[in-house]
Amino acid sequence: ASATSICSGTSVTFTATPTNGGTPTYQWKLNGTNVGTGGTTYTNAALANGDQVTCVMTSTATCATPTTATSTPVTMTVNTTVTPSVAVSATATSICSGTSVTFTATPTNGGTPTYQWKRNGTNVGTGSTYTNAALANGDIITCVMTSTASCASPTTATSTPITMSVSTPVTPSVAVAASATSICS
């Protein structure tokens, strides 16, 4: 087999290499049960953790004693597929224009992830955080995480979009009016 540690659902091909086989025949076994016959290869895409694959070769070589040989078992390590996800939090989502906001990515099944931040669908930054002090009303922030976790499927995950509510700053003022400005004492 090309690999004995795989993700669940991975197709694995086992290949027999005979020594003193003449023109041999083969009987493949999965956990001791016959599964494939005749060919030098056996393929399985439904292996489970701990499965053992062996091959019994029957030799046609002259003077082969015994005429059958059993391979050393190949024990499979099958890892469960995981689904990556990324959650994003913001220091604030309702702000006055010019306020700096930091967005933080929290990965699940990320391994050692990489991040691509997007503002309205356009790439704007990488890293586990993204900070912007020039957000506009209605801006949509998302983060696409690429997972390095073993058996991650799919390998990328996109966060739930955060829509920013940005208000224009106003300058407060007060006016005072009097009922009369000229009075008698």
N, C-alpha and C. Protein backbone atom coordinates (compact mmCIF):
# COMPACT_ATOMS: atom_id res chain seq x y z
N ALA A 1 0.85 -1.18 0.00
CA ALA A 1 0.00 0.00 0.00
C ALA A 1 0.89 1.23 0.00
N SER A 2 0.40 2.30 -0.65
CA SER A 2 1.19 3.52 -0.70
C SER A 2 1.18 4.24 0.65
N ALA A 3 0.10 4.10 1.42
CA ALA A 3 0.03 4.72 2.74
C ALA A 3 -0.78 3.83 3.65
N THR A 4 -0.34 3.73 4.91
CA THR A 4 -1.10 2.92 5.86
C THR A 4 -1.87 3.79 6.83
N SER A 5 -1.61 5.12 6.84
CA SER A 5 -2.37 6.06 7.65
C SER A 5 -3.13 6.95 6.68
N ILE A 6 -4.46 6.83 6.70
CA ILE A 6 -5.28 7.50 5.70
C ILE A 6 -6.48 8.18 6.36
N CYS A 7 -7.20 8.97 5.56
CA CYS A 7 -8.47 9.54 6.00
C CYS A 7 -9.58 8.59 5.57
N SER A 8 -10.65 8.55 6.35
CA SER A 8 -11.75 7.64 5.99
C SER A 8 -12.25 7.95 4.59
N GLY A 9 -12.56 6.90 3.85
CA GLY A 9 -13.06 7.05 2.48
C GLY A 9 -11.97 7.12 1.43
N THR A 10 -10.70 7.11 1.84
CA THR A 10 -9.59 7.15 0.88
C THR A 10 -9.43 5.79 0.23
N SER A 11 -9.28 5.79 -1.09
CA SER A 11 -9.05 4.55 -1.82
C SER A 11 -7.57 4.16 -1.71
N VAL A 12 -7.34 2.92 -1.31
CA VAL A 12 -5.97 2.42 -1.15
C VAL A 12 -5.80 1.19 -2.04
N THR A 13 -4.69 1.16 -2.78
CA THR A 13 -4.38 -0.01 -3.62
C THR A 13 -3.18 -0.74 -3.02
N PHE A 14 -3.37 -2.01 -2.77
CA PHE A 14 -2.32 -2.89 -2.25
C PHE A 14 -1.75 -3.66 -3.43
N THR A 15 -0.42 -3.79 -3.48
CA THR A 15 0.24 -4.46 -4.60
C THR A 15 1.12 -5.57 -4.06
N ALA A 16 0.96 -6.77 -4.63
CA ALA A 16 1.78 -7.93 -4.24
C ALA A 16 3.04 -7.97 -5.09
N THR A 17 4.17 -8.19 -4.43
CA THR A 17 5.45 -8.34 -5.13
C THR A 17 5.97 -9.74 -4.82
N PRO A 18 5.88 -10.66 -5.80
CA PRO A 18 6.25 -12.06 -5.52
C PRO A 18 7.76 -12.29 -5.54
N THR A 19 8.18 -13.28 -4.75
CA THR A 19 9.54 -13.81 -4.80
C THR A 19 9.41 -15.31 -4.97
N ASN A 20 10.04 -15.88 -5.99
CA ASN A 20 9.96 -17.31 -6.31
C ASN A 20 8.51 -17.73 -6.52
N GLY A 21 7.77 -16.92 -7.24
CA GLY A 21 6.35 -17.20 -7.45
C GLY A 21 6.05 -17.93 -8.73
N GLY A 22 7.00 -17.97 -9.66
CA GLY A 22 6.69 -18.55 -10.98
C GLY A 22 5.64 -17.66 -11.63
N THR A 23 4.49 -18.26 -11.96
CA THR A 23 3.33 -17.49 -12.43
C THR A 23 2.28 -17.66 -11.34
N PRO A 24 2.38 -16.84 -10.28
CA PRO A 24 1.57 -17.09 -9.09
C PRO A 24 0.11 -16.66 -9.24
N THR A 25 -0.70 -17.17 -8.32
CA THR A 25 -2.07 -16.70 -8.14
C THR A 25 -2.13 -16.08 -6.76
N TYR A 26 -3.10 -15.20 -6.57
CA TYR A 26 -3.18 -14.45 -5.32
C TYR A 26 -4.58 -14.55 -4.72
N GLN A 27 -4.61 -14.59 -3.39
CA GLN A 27 -5.87 -14.47 -2.65
C GLN A 27 -5.67 -13.37 -1.61
N TRP A 28 -6.40 -12.28 -1.81
CA TRP A 28 -6.33 -11.15 -0.86
C TRP A 28 -7.29 -11.41 0.29
N LYS A 29 -6.90 -10.95 1.49
CA LYS A 29 -7.73 -11.13 2.67
C LYS A 29 -7.80 -9.81 3.44
N LEU A 30 -9.02 -9.51 3.90
CA LEU A 30 -9.25 -8.36 4.77
C LEU A 30 -9.69 -8.91 6.11
N ASN A 31 -8.85 -8.70 7.14
CA ASN A 31 -9.12 -9.24 8.48
C ASN A 31 -9.37 -10.75 8.43
N GLY A 32 -8.63 -11.45 7.54
CA GLY A 32 -8.72 -12.91 7.44
C GLY A 32 -9.80 -13.43 6.52
N THR A 33 -10.63 -12.53 5.97
CA THR A 33 -11.72 -12.95 5.08
C THR A 33 -11.32 -12.68 3.63
N ASN A 34 -11.57 -13.65 2.76
CA ASN A 34 -11.23 -13.48 1.35
C ASN A 34 -11.98 -12.28 0.75
N VAL A 35 -11.22 -11.42 0.03
CA VAL A 35 -11.84 -10.23 -0.57
C VAL A 35 -11.49 -10.02 -2.03
N GLY A 36 -10.37 -10.45 -2.47
CA GLY A 36 -10.00 -10.23 -3.86
C GLY A 36 -9.18 -11.40 -4.34
N THR A 37 -9.32 -11.77 -5.59
CA THR A 37 -8.59 -12.95 -6.07
C THR A 37 -7.88 -12.64 -7.38
N GLY A 38 -6.86 -13.43 -7.64
CA GLY A 38 -6.23 -13.46 -8.95
C GLY A 38 -5.24 -12.37 -9.24
N GLY A 39 -5.56 -11.14 -8.96
CA GLY A 39 -4.69 -10.05 -9.42
C GLY A 39 -3.57 -9.71 -8.46
N THR A 40 -2.59 -8.98 -8.98
CA THR A 40 -1.46 -8.56 -8.14
C THR A 40 -1.84 -7.36 -7.28
N THR A 41 -3.04 -6.78 -7.52
CA THR A 41 -3.45 -5.63 -6.72
C THR A 41 -4.84 -5.85 -6.12
N TYR A 42 -5.08 -5.15 -5.03
CA TYR A 42 -6.38 -5.14 -4.37
C TYR A 42 -6.65 -3.69 -3.96
N THR A 43 -7.83 -3.16 -4.28
CA THR A 43 -8.17 -1.78 -3.97
C THR A 43 -9.41 -1.75 -3.08
N ASN A 44 -9.37 -0.87 -2.07
CA ASN A 44 -10.50 -0.73 -1.16
C ASN A 44 -10.60 0.72 -0.73
N ALA A 45 -11.81 1.30 -0.82
CA ALA A 45 -12.04 2.69 -0.41
C ALA A 45 -12.90 2.75 0.85
N ALA A 46 -13.11 1.62 1.50
CA ALA A 46 -13.97 1.58 2.69
C ALA A 46 -13.25 0.93 3.87
N LEU A 47 -11.97 1.20 4.00
CA LEU A 47 -11.20 0.60 5.08
C LEU A 47 -11.54 1.26 6.41
N ALA A 48 -11.45 0.47 7.47
CA ALA A 48 -11.72 0.97 8.83
C ALA A 48 -10.43 0.92 9.63
N ASN A 49 -10.40 1.72 10.70
CA ASN A 49 -9.22 1.75 11.55
C ASN A 49 -8.93 0.35 12.10
N GLY A 50 -7.68 -0.07 11.98
CA GLY A 50 -7.27 -1.38 12.49
C GLY A 50 -7.42 -2.52 11.50
N ASP A 51 -8.03 -2.27 10.33
CA ASP A 51 -8.16 -3.33 9.31
C ASP A 51 -6.77 -3.86 8.95
N GLN A 52 -6.72 -5.19 8.73
CA GLN A 52 -5.47 -5.82 8.32
C GLN A 52 -5.67 -6.48 6.95
N VAL A 53 -4.75 -6.15 6.04
CA VAL A 53 -4.81 -6.72 4.69
C VAL A 53 -3.60 -7.63 4.51
N THR A 54 -3.88 -8.85 4.02
CA THR A 54 -2.81 -9.79 3.71
C THR A 54 -3.07 -10.36 2.32
N CYS A 55 -2.03 -10.95 1.78
CA CYS A 55 -2.14 -11.60 0.47
C CYS A 55 -1.51 -12.99 0.59
N VAL A 56 -2.27 -13.99 0.12
CA VAL A 56 -1.73 -15.35 0.08
C VAL A 56 -1.38 -15.64 -1.38
N MET A 57 -0.09 -15.91 -1.62
CA MET A 57 0.38 -16.20 -2.97
C MET A 57 0.59 -17.70 -3.10
N THR A 58 0.06 -18.24 -4.18
CA THR A 58 0.32 -19.65 -4.50
C THR A 58 1.32 -19.67 -5.64
N SER A 59 2.48 -20.27 -5.37
CA SER A 59 3.58 -20.28 -6.33
C SER A 59 3.47 -21.45 -7.31
N THR A 60 3.91 -21.18 -8.54
CA THR A 60 4.01 -22.25 -9.54
C THR A 60 5.48 -22.57 -9.83
N ALA A 61 6.36 -21.98 -9.02
CA ALA A 61 7.80 -22.21 -9.23
C ALA A 61 8.13 -23.66 -8.94
N THR A 62 9.03 -24.21 -9.74
CA THR A 62 9.49 -25.57 -9.54
C THR A 62 10.17 -25.67 -8.17
N CYS A 63 9.83 -26.70 -7.45
CA CYS A 63 10.41 -27.00 -6.13
C CYS A 63 10.05 -25.98 -5.05
N ALA A 64 8.96 -25.23 -5.25
CA ALA A 64 8.53 -24.29 -4.20
C ALA A 64 7.99 -25.09 -3.02
N THR A 65 8.56 -24.87 -1.84
CA THR A 65 8.12 -25.57 -0.64
C THR A 65 8.03 -24.57 0.49
N PRO A 66 6.90 -24.30 1.07
CA PRO A 66 5.59 -24.74 0.60
C PRO A 66 5.19 -23.97 -0.66
N THR A 67 4.04 -24.34 -1.22
CA THR A 67 3.62 -23.67 -2.46
C THR A 67 2.88 -22.37 -2.17
N THR A 68 2.49 -22.14 -0.92
CA THR A 68 1.82 -20.87 -0.60
C THR A 68 2.66 -20.06 0.37
N ALA A 69 2.53 -18.73 0.24
CA ALA A 69 3.20 -17.81 1.15
C ALA A 69 2.22 -16.70 1.49
N THR A 70 2.19 -16.33 2.77
CA THR A 70 1.29 -15.25 3.20
C THR A 70 2.13 -14.03 3.56
N SER A 71 1.70 -12.88 3.04
CA SER A 71 2.42 -11.64 3.30
C SER A 71 2.29 -11.24 4.77
N THR A 72 3.18 -10.36 5.19
CA THR A 72 3.05 -9.73 6.51
C THR A 72 1.81 -8.84 6.45
N PRO A 73 0.99 -8.87 7.48
CA PRO A 73 -0.22 -8.04 7.45
C PRO A 73 0.10 -6.54 7.38
N VAL A 74 -0.68 -5.82 6.62
CA VAL A 74 -0.61 -4.36 6.59
C VAL A 74 -1.77 -3.88 7.44
N THR A 75 -1.45 -3.20 8.56
CA THR A 75 -2.48 -2.70 9.46
C THR A 75 -2.74 -1.24 9.13
N MET A 76 -4.02 -0.93 8.90
CA MET A 76 -4.40 0.42 8.49
C MET A 76 -4.77 1.29 9.69
N THR A 77 -4.33 2.54 9.63
CA THR A 77 -4.77 3.57 10.57
C THR A 77 -5.68 4.49 9.76
N VAL A 78 -6.96 4.50 10.12
CA VAL A 78 -7.95 5.29 9.37
C VAL A 78 -8.46 6.40 10.28
N ASN A 79 -8.19 7.63 9.86
CA ASN A 79 -8.59 8.80 10.65
C ASN A 79 -9.93 9.33 10.17
N THR A 80 -10.73 9.80 11.11
CA THR A 80 -12.05 10.34 10.80
C THR A 80 -11.91 11.68 10.09
N THR A 81 -12.78 11.91 9.12
CA THR A 81 -12.82 13.19 8.43
C THR A 81 -13.39 14.25 9.36
N VAL A 82 -12.77 15.44 9.37
CA VAL A 82 -13.26 16.54 10.19
C VAL A 82 -13.68 17.70 9.28
N THR A 83 -14.65 18.47 9.76
CA THR A 83 -15.13 19.63 9.00
C THR A 83 -14.62 20.89 9.68
N PRO A 84 -13.79 21.67 8.97
CA PRO A 84 -13.30 22.90 9.57
C PRO A 84 -14.36 24.00 9.56
N SER A 85 -14.26 24.91 10.52
CA SER A 85 -15.12 26.09 10.54
C SER A 85 -14.35 27.23 11.19
N VAL A 86 -14.81 28.45 10.96
CA VAL A 86 -14.17 29.61 11.56
C VAL A 86 -15.26 30.58 12.00
N ALA A 87 -15.15 31.04 13.24
CA ALA A 87 -16.06 32.03 13.78
C ALA A 87 -15.29 33.34 13.89
N VAL A 88 -15.97 34.46 13.64
CA VAL A 88 -15.33 35.76 13.71
C VAL A 88 -16.06 36.62 14.74
N SER A 89 -15.29 37.25 15.62
CA SER A 89 -15.86 38.21 16.56
C SER A 89 -15.27 39.59 16.23
N ALA A 90 -16.03 40.62 16.56
CA ALA A 90 -15.59 42.00 16.31
C ALA A 90 -15.65 42.78 17.61
N THR A 91 -14.71 43.73 17.77
CA THR A 91 -14.73 44.55 18.98
C THR A 91 -16.01 45.39 19.02
N ALA A 92 -16.60 45.68 17.85
CA ALA A 92 -17.88 46.40 17.76
C ALA A 92 -18.41 46.22 16.36
N THR A 93 -19.73 46.22 16.21
CA THR A 93 -20.33 46.14 14.87
C THR A 93 -21.18 47.36 14.57
N SER A 94 -21.46 48.18 15.59
CA SER A 94 -22.21 49.41 15.41
C SER A 94 -21.31 50.53 15.93
N ILE A 95 -20.77 51.33 15.00
CA ILE A 95 -19.72 52.29 15.36
C ILE A 95 -19.96 53.65 14.72
N CYS A 96 -19.19 54.63 15.16
CA CYS A 96 -19.13 55.93 14.48
C CYS A 96 -18.00 55.84 13.46
N SER A 97 -18.13 56.52 12.33
CA SER A 97 -17.08 56.42 11.31
C SER A 97 -15.75 56.87 11.90
N GLY A 98 -14.69 56.21 11.46
CA GLY A 98 -13.35 56.49 11.95
C GLY A 98 -12.96 55.65 13.15
N THR A 99 -13.90 54.88 13.69
CA THR A 99 -13.58 54.01 14.84
C THR A 99 -12.84 52.78 14.35
N SER A 100 -11.77 52.41 15.05
CA SER A 100 -11.00 51.23 14.70
C SER A 100 -11.70 49.98 15.25
N VAL A 101 -11.88 49.00 14.39
CA VAL A 101 -12.51 47.74 14.78
C VAL A 101 -11.53 46.60 14.49
N THR A 102 -11.39 45.69 15.45
CA THR A 102 -10.54 44.51 15.26
C THR A 102 -11.45 43.28 15.19
N PHE A 103 -11.23 42.50 14.15
CA PHE A 103 -11.96 41.25 13.94
C PHE A 103 -11.01 40.11 14.28
N THR A 104 -11.50 39.10 15.01
CA THR A 104 -10.66 37.98 15.44
C THR A 104 -11.28 36.67 14.97
N ALA A 105 -10.45 35.83 14.35
CA ALA A 105 -10.91 34.52 13.86
C ALA A 105 -10.66 33.47 14.92
N THR A 106 -11.66 32.61 15.15
CA THR A 106 -11.51 31.47 16.06
C THR A 106 -11.77 30.20 15.25
N PRO A 107 -10.72 29.40 14.99
CA PRO A 107 -10.87 28.22 14.14
C PRO A 107 -11.35 26.99 14.90
N THR A 108 -12.03 26.11 14.18
CA THR A 108 -12.36 24.77 14.66
C THR A 108 -11.85 23.80 13.60
N ASN A 109 -11.09 22.79 14.01
CA ASN A 109 -10.48 21.82 13.08
C ASN A 109 -9.62 22.54 12.05
N GLY A 110 -8.84 23.51 12.51
CA GLY A 110 -8.01 24.30 11.60
C GLY A 110 -6.60 23.81 11.47
N GLY A 111 -6.14 22.98 12.40
CA GLY A 111 -4.73 22.59 12.38
C GLY A 111 -3.91 23.84 12.66
N THR A 112 -3.01 24.18 11.75
CA THR A 112 -2.29 25.45 11.78
C THR A 112 -2.82 26.24 10.58
N PRO A 113 -3.95 26.93 10.77
CA PRO A 113 -4.65 27.51 9.63
C PRO A 113 -4.01 28.77 9.09
N THR A 114 -4.40 29.10 7.86
CA THR A 114 -4.10 30.40 7.29
C THR A 114 -5.44 31.10 7.07
N TYR A 115 -5.40 32.43 7.03
CA TYR A 115 -6.62 33.21 6.95
C TYR A 115 -6.55 34.20 5.80
N GLN A 116 -7.70 34.44 5.17
CA GLN A 116 -7.84 35.50 4.17
C GLN A 116 -9.07 36.30 4.57
N TRP A 117 -8.84 37.55 4.98
CA TRP A 117 -9.95 38.44 5.34
C TRP A 117 -10.47 39.12 4.08
N LYS A 118 -11.79 39.32 4.06
CA LYS A 118 -12.42 39.98 2.91
C LYS A 118 -13.35 41.08 3.41
N ARG A 119 -13.30 42.22 2.73
CA ARG A 119 -14.21 43.34 2.97
C ARG A 119 -15.00 43.50 1.69
N ASN A 120 -16.29 43.24 1.77
CA ASN A 120 -17.17 43.30 0.60
C ASN A 120 -16.66 42.40 -0.53
N GLY A 121 -16.10 41.25 -0.15
CA GLY A 121 -15.64 40.27 -1.13
C GLY A 121 -14.24 40.49 -1.65
N THR A 122 -13.58 41.58 -1.27
CA THR A 122 -12.22 41.88 -1.74
C THR A 122 -11.22 41.53 -0.65
N ASN A 123 -10.12 40.88 -1.03
CA ASN A 123 -9.08 40.51 -0.06
C ASN A 123 -8.50 41.76 0.59
N VAL A 124 -8.42 41.73 1.93
CA VAL A 124 -7.92 42.91 2.65
C VAL A 124 -6.85 42.59 3.69
N GLY A 125 -6.64 41.33 4.02
CA GLY A 125 -5.63 41.03 5.03
C GLY A 125 -5.53 39.55 5.32
N THR A 126 -4.44 39.20 6.00
CA THR A 126 -4.20 37.82 6.42
C THR A 126 -3.86 37.84 7.90
N GLY A 127 -3.75 36.69 8.50
CA GLY A 127 -3.47 36.59 9.93
C GLY A 127 -4.76 36.30 10.69
N SER A 128 -4.62 36.00 11.98
CA SER A 128 -5.79 35.61 12.77
C SER A 128 -6.65 36.81 13.17
N THR A 129 -6.12 38.03 12.98
CA THR A 129 -6.93 39.23 13.25
C THR A 129 -6.83 40.19 12.07
N TYR A 130 -7.84 41.05 11.98
CA TYR A 130 -7.88 42.10 10.95
C TYR A 130 -8.43 43.35 11.60
N THR A 131 -7.73 44.47 11.43
CA THR A 131 -8.15 45.74 12.02
C THR A 131 -8.35 46.77 10.93
N ASN A 132 -9.46 47.56 11.05
CA ASN A 132 -9.75 48.60 10.06
C ASN A 132 -10.39 49.78 10.78
N ALA A 133 -9.90 50.99 10.49
CA ALA A 133 -10.45 52.22 11.09
C ALA A 133 -11.17 53.05 10.03
N ALA A 134 -11.40 52.47 8.85
CA ALA A 134 -12.05 53.23 7.76
C ALA A 134 -13.24 52.45 7.21
N LEU A 135 -14.00 51.84 8.10
CA LEU A 135 -15.16 51.06 7.66
C LEU A 135 -16.31 51.99 7.27
N ALA A 136 -17.11 51.52 6.33
CA ALA A 136 -18.27 52.29 5.88
C ALA A 136 -19.55 51.54 6.25
N ASN A 137 -20.64 52.27 6.32
CA ASN A 137 -21.92 51.65 6.65
C ASN A 137 -22.25 50.57 5.62
N GLY A 138 -22.63 49.38 6.11
CA GLY A 138 -22.98 48.27 5.22
C GLY A 138 -21.81 47.41 4.80
N ASP A 139 -20.58 47.77 5.18
CA ASP A 139 -19.43 46.92 4.84
C ASP A 139 -19.66 45.52 5.42
N ILE A 140 -19.29 44.51 4.61
CA ILE A 140 -19.44 43.12 5.04
C ILE A 140 -18.04 42.51 5.17
N ILE A 141 -17.76 42.00 6.36
CA ILE A 141 -16.45 41.40 6.65
C ILE A 141 -16.63 39.89 6.79
N THR A 142 -15.80 39.13 6.07
CA THR A 142 -15.77 37.67 6.21
C THR A 142 -14.32 37.22 6.30
N CYS A 143 -14.14 36.01 6.77
CA CYS A 143 -12.81 35.41 6.86
C CYS A 143 -12.88 34.01 6.25
N VAL A 144 -11.95 33.73 5.34
CA VAL A 144 -11.84 32.39 4.76
C VAL A 144 -10.62 31.73 5.39
N MET A 145 -10.86 30.62 6.09
CA MET A 145 -9.78 29.89 6.74
C MET A 145 -9.43 28.66 5.91
N THR A 146 -8.14 28.44 5.73
CA THR A 146 -7.66 27.22 5.07
C THR A 146 -7.05 26.34 6.16
N SER A 147 -7.62 25.15 6.31
CA SER A 147 -7.21 24.23 7.38
C SER A 147 -6.06 23.35 6.93
N THR A 148 -5.18 23.06 7.89
CA THR A 148 -4.12 22.08 7.65
C THR A 148 -4.37 20.82 8.48
N ALA A 149 -5.56 20.75 9.11
CA ALA A 149 -5.88 19.59 9.93
C ALA A 149 -5.90 18.32 9.08
N SER A 150 -5.40 17.25 9.65
CA SER A 150 -5.42 15.97 8.96
C SER A 150 -6.88 15.59 8.70
N CYS A 151 -7.18 15.19 7.50
CA CYS A 151 -8.50 14.73 7.10
C CYS A 151 -9.57 15.83 7.12
N ALA A 152 -9.17 17.08 6.94
CA ALA A 152 -10.15 18.17 6.86
C ALA A 152 -10.86 18.09 5.51
N SER A 153 -12.17 18.15 5.53
CA SER A 153 -12.95 18.10 4.30
C SER A 153 -14.21 18.93 4.47
N PRO A 154 -14.36 20.03 3.70
CA PRO A 154 -13.38 20.59 2.75
C PRO A 154 -12.22 21.23 3.50
N THR A 155 -11.23 21.71 2.80
CA THR A 155 -10.07 22.29 3.48
C THR A 155 -10.27 23.76 3.81
N THR A 156 -11.29 24.40 3.22
CA THR A 156 -11.53 25.81 3.54
C THR A 156 -12.91 25.98 4.17
N ALA A 157 -13.01 27.04 4.99
CA ALA A 157 -14.28 27.39 5.62
C ALA A 157 -14.40 28.91 5.62
N THR A 158 -15.62 29.40 5.41
CA THR A 158 -15.86 30.84 5.40
C THR A 158 -16.75 31.19 6.59
N SER A 159 -16.38 32.26 7.29
CA SER A 159 -17.13 32.70 8.45
C SER A 159 -18.48 33.27 8.05
N THR A 160 -19.38 33.36 9.03
CA THR A 160 -20.65 34.05 8.83
C THR A 160 -20.32 35.53 8.64
N PRO A 161 -20.91 36.18 7.63
CA PRO A 161 -20.58 37.59 7.37
C PRO A 161 -20.99 38.50 8.54
N ILE A 162 -20.17 39.50 8.79
CA ILE A 162 -20.50 40.55 9.76
C ILE A 162 -20.77 41.82 8.97
N THR A 163 -21.98 42.37 9.14
CA THR A 163 -22.34 43.61 8.45
C THR A 163 -22.18 44.77 9.43
N MET A 164 -21.41 45.76 9.01
CA MET A 164 -21.10 46.89 9.89
C MET A 164 -22.18 47.96 9.79
N SER A 165 -22.51 48.55 10.93
CA SER A 165 -23.41 49.70 11.01
C SER A 165 -22.53 50.88 11.42
N VAL A 166 -22.31 51.81 10.47
CA VAL A 166 -21.41 52.93 10.71
C VAL A 166 -22.19 54.23 10.61
N SER A 167 -22.16 55.01 11.68
CA SER A 167 -22.87 56.29 11.71
C SER A 167 -21.88 57.42 11.52
N THR A 168 -22.36 58.49 10.88
CA THR A 168 -21.53 59.67 10.67
C THR A 168 -21.49 60.47 11.97
N PRO A 169 -20.30 60.92 12.38
CA PRO A 169 -20.24 61.71 13.61
C PRO A 169 -21.03 63.02 13.47
N VAL A 170 -21.63 63.43 14.54
CA VAL A 170 -22.36 64.70 14.56
C VAL A 170 -21.75 65.57 15.64
N THR A 171 -21.81 66.88 15.43
CA THR A 171 -21.30 67.83 16.42
C THR A 171 -22.48 68.41 17.17
N PRO A 172 -22.56 68.12 18.45
CA PRO A 172 -23.70 68.65 19.19
C PRO A 172 -23.54 70.15 19.46
N SER A 173 -24.65 70.85 19.49
CA SER A 173 -24.65 72.27 19.85
C SER A 173 -25.97 72.56 20.55
N VAL A 174 -26.02 73.69 21.23
CA VAL A 174 -27.23 74.05 21.93
C VAL A 174 -27.46 75.54 21.72
N ALA A 175 -28.67 75.91 21.51
CA ALA A 175 -29.03 77.32 21.37
C ALA A 175 -29.97 77.66 22.51
N VAL A 176 -29.80 78.87 23.03
CA VAL A 176 -30.66 79.31 24.12
C VAL A 176 -31.50 80.48 23.61
N ALA A 177 -32.78 80.42 23.87
CA ALA A 177 -33.66 81.51 23.49
C ALA A 177 -34.32 82.05 24.75
N ALA A 178 -34.46 83.32 24.79
CA ALA A 178 -35.11 83.94 25.95
C ALA A 178 -36.45 84.52 25.47
N SER A 179 -37.45 84.57 26.36
CA SER A 179 -38.75 85.11 25.98
C SER A 179 -38.65 86.61 25.72
N ALA A 180 -37.68 87.25 26.34
CA ALA A 180 -37.44 88.68 26.10
C ALA A 180 -36.00 88.95 26.42
N THR A 181 -35.44 89.84 25.66
CA THR A 181 -34.04 90.18 25.92
C THR A 181 -33.91 91.59 26.50
N SER A 182 -34.98 92.36 26.44
CA SER A 182 -34.96 93.69 27.01
C SER A 182 -36.12 93.75 28.00
N ILE A 183 -35.78 93.91 29.28
CA ILE A 183 -36.81 93.89 30.31
C ILE A 183 -36.65 95.04 31.27
N CYS A 184 -37.67 95.36 32.03
CA CYS A 184 -37.58 96.36 33.10
C CYS A 184 -37.22 95.64 34.38
N SER A 185 -36.46 96.30 35.21
CA SER A 185 -36.09 95.65 36.46
C SER A 185 -37.27 95.53 37.40
